[in-house]
């Protein structure tokens, strides 16, 4: 019988690293198929809550302090 595993993920939908992490998690869970049954709960997270609603001009924005929002 597979063990139930709750995974809570705080993710920003625009973050490329969050996407990479999602894909790696999917790969790991596929490798554990039959051993664990994962229940994934997605939690919202804003990497840059100070971003104006209209966005910014340019290809890149400066990184936030400590890599987080704020």
C-alpha atoms as a PDB file:
ATOM      1  CA  UNK A   1       0.000   0.000   0.000  1.00  0.00           C
ATOM      2  CA  UNK A   2       1.332   3.410  -0.988  1.00  0.00           C
ATOM      3  CA  UNK A   3       2.087   5.950   1.729  1.00  0.00           C
ATOM      4  CA  UNK A   4       0.184   9.219   1.478  1.00  0.00           C
ATOM      5  CA  UNK A   5       2.366  12.288   1.212  1.00  0.00           C
ATOM      6  CA  UNK A   6       1.108  15.877   1.475  1.00  0.00           C
ATOM      7  CA  UNK A   7       3.282  18.337  -0.418  1.00  0.00           C
ATOM      8  CA  UNK A   8       2.604  22.058  -0.058  1.00  0.00           C
ATOM      9  CA  UNK A   9       4.227  24.200  -2.726  1.00  0.00           C
ATOM     10  CA  UNK A  10       4.433  27.998  -2.576  1.00  0.00           C
ATOM     11  CA  UNK A  11       4.986  29.097  -6.155  1.00  0.00           C
ATOM     12  CA  UNK A  12       4.835  32.163  -8.383  1.00  0.00           C
ATOM     13  CA  UNK A  13       3.348  31.322 -11.788  1.00  0.00           C
ATOM     14  CA  UNK A  14       5.827  33.558 -13.611  1.00  0.00           C
ATOM     15  CA  UNK A  15       8.944  32.120 -11.907  1.00  0.00           C
ATOM     16  CA  UNK A  16      11.036  29.907 -14.210  1.00  0.00           C
ATOM     17  CA  UNK A  17      12.743  28.250 -11.211  1.00  0.00           C
ATOM     18  CA  UNK A  18       9.339  27.299  -9.800  1.00  0.00           C
ATOM     19  CA  UNK A  19       8.549  25.587 -13.093  1.00  0.00           C
ATOM     20  CA  UNK A  20      11.853  23.709 -13.026  1.00  0.00           C
ATOM     21  CA  UNK A  21      11.104  22.589  -9.464  1.00  0.00           C
ATOM     22  CA  UNK A  22       7.629  21.436 -10.516  1.00  0.00           C
ATOM     23  CA  UNK A  23       9.074  19.333 -13.333  1.00  0.00           C
ATOM     24  CA  UNK A  24      11.688  17.786 -11.014  1.00  0.00           C
ATOM     25  CA  UNK A  25       9.006  16.964  -8.456  1.00  0.00           C
ATOM     26  CA  UNK A  26       6.933  15.266 -11.158  1.00  0.00           C
ATOM     27  CA  UNK A  27       9.960  13.221 -12.194  1.00  0.00           C
ATOM     28  CA  UNK A  28      10.715  12.210  -8.584  1.00  0.00           C
ATOM     29  CA  UNK A  29       7.096  11.207  -7.947  1.00  0.00           C
ATOM     30  CA  UNK A  30       7.075   9.163 -11.157  1.00  0.00           C
ATOM     31  CA  UNK A  31      10.169   7.309  -9.900  1.00  0.00           C
ATOM     32  CA  UNK A  32       8.317   6.549  -6.650  1.00  0.00           C
ATOM     33  CA  UNK A  33       5.121   5.396  -8.340  1.00  0.00           C
ATOM     34  CA  UNK A  34       3.421   2.792  -6.210  1.00  0.00           C
ATOM     35  CA  UNK A  35       5.461   3.695  -3.109  1.00  0.00           C
ATOM     36  CA  UNK A  36       3.886   7.082  -2.377  1.00  0.00           C
ATOM     37  CA  UNK A  37       0.627   8.748  -3.251  1.00  0.00           C
ATOM     38  CA  UNK A  38       1.237  12.491  -3.332  1.00  0.00           C
ATOM     39  CA  UNK A  39      -1.405  15.083  -2.641  1.00  0.00           C
ATOM     40  CA  UNK A  40      -0.091  18.423  -3.851  1.00  0.00           C
ATOM     41  CA  UNK A  41      -1.480  21.704  -2.550  1.00  0.00           C
ATOM     42  CA  UNK A  42      -0.429  24.784  -4.493  1.00  0.00           C
ATOM     43  CA  UNK A  43      -0.057  27.972  -2.476  1.00  0.00           C
ATOM     44  CA  UNK A  44       0.261  31.411  -4.100  1.00  0.00           C
ATOM     45  CA  UNK A  45       3.470  33.377  -3.665  1.00  0.00           C
ATOM     46  CA  UNK A  46       4.465  36.711  -5.201  1.00  0.00           C
ATOM     47  CA  UNK A  47       8.184  36.977  -5.868  1.00  0.00           C
ATOM     48  CA  UNK A  48       7.898  40.728  -6.375  1.00  0.00           C
ATOM     49  CA  UNK A  49       4.798  42.149  -4.710  1.00  0.00           C
ATOM     50  CA  UNK A  50       6.011  45.685  -5.545  1.00  0.00           C
ATOM     51  CA  UNK A  51       5.699  45.068  -9.294  1.00  0.00           C
ATOM     52  CA  UNK A  52       3.317  47.622 -10.814  1.00  0.00           C
ATOM     53  CA  UNK A  53       0.157  46.177 -12.345  1.00  0.00           C
ATOM     54  CA  UNK A  54       1.191  47.486 -15.769  1.00  0.00           C
ATOM     55  CA  UNK A  55       4.543  45.683 -15.551  1.00  0.00           C
ATOM     56  CA  UNK A  56       7.961  47.172 -16.263  1.00  0.00           C
ATOM     57  CA  UNK A  57       9.788  48.143 -19.429  1.00  0.00           C
ATOM     58  CA  UNK A  58      12.807  46.029 -20.297  1.00  0.00           C
ATOM     59  CA  UNK A  59      13.775  42.397 -20.476  1.00  0.00           C
ATOM     60  CA  UNK A  60      14.935  42.142 -16.845  1.00  0.00           C
ATOM     61  CA  UNK A  61      14.112  43.640 -13.507  1.00  0.00           C
ATOM     62  CA  UNK A  62      16.663  43.898 -10.716  1.00  0.00           C
ATOM     63  CA  UNK A  63      16.568  41.002  -8.251  1.00  0.00           C
ATOM     64  CA  UNK A  64      14.723  41.574  -5.014  1.00  0.00           C
ATOM     65  CA  UNK A  65      16.750  41.573  -1.780  1.00  0.00           C
ATOM     66  CA  UNK A  66      17.504  38.031  -0.588  1.00  0.00           C
ATOM     67  CA  UNK A  67      15.821  36.686  -3.721  1.00  0.00           C
ATOM     68  CA  UNK A  68      12.398  37.279  -2.199  1.00  0.00           C
ATOM     69  CA  UNK A  69       9.653  39.799  -2.605  1.00  0.00           C
ATOM     70  CA  UNK A  70      10.226  43.144  -1.041  1.00  0.00           C
END
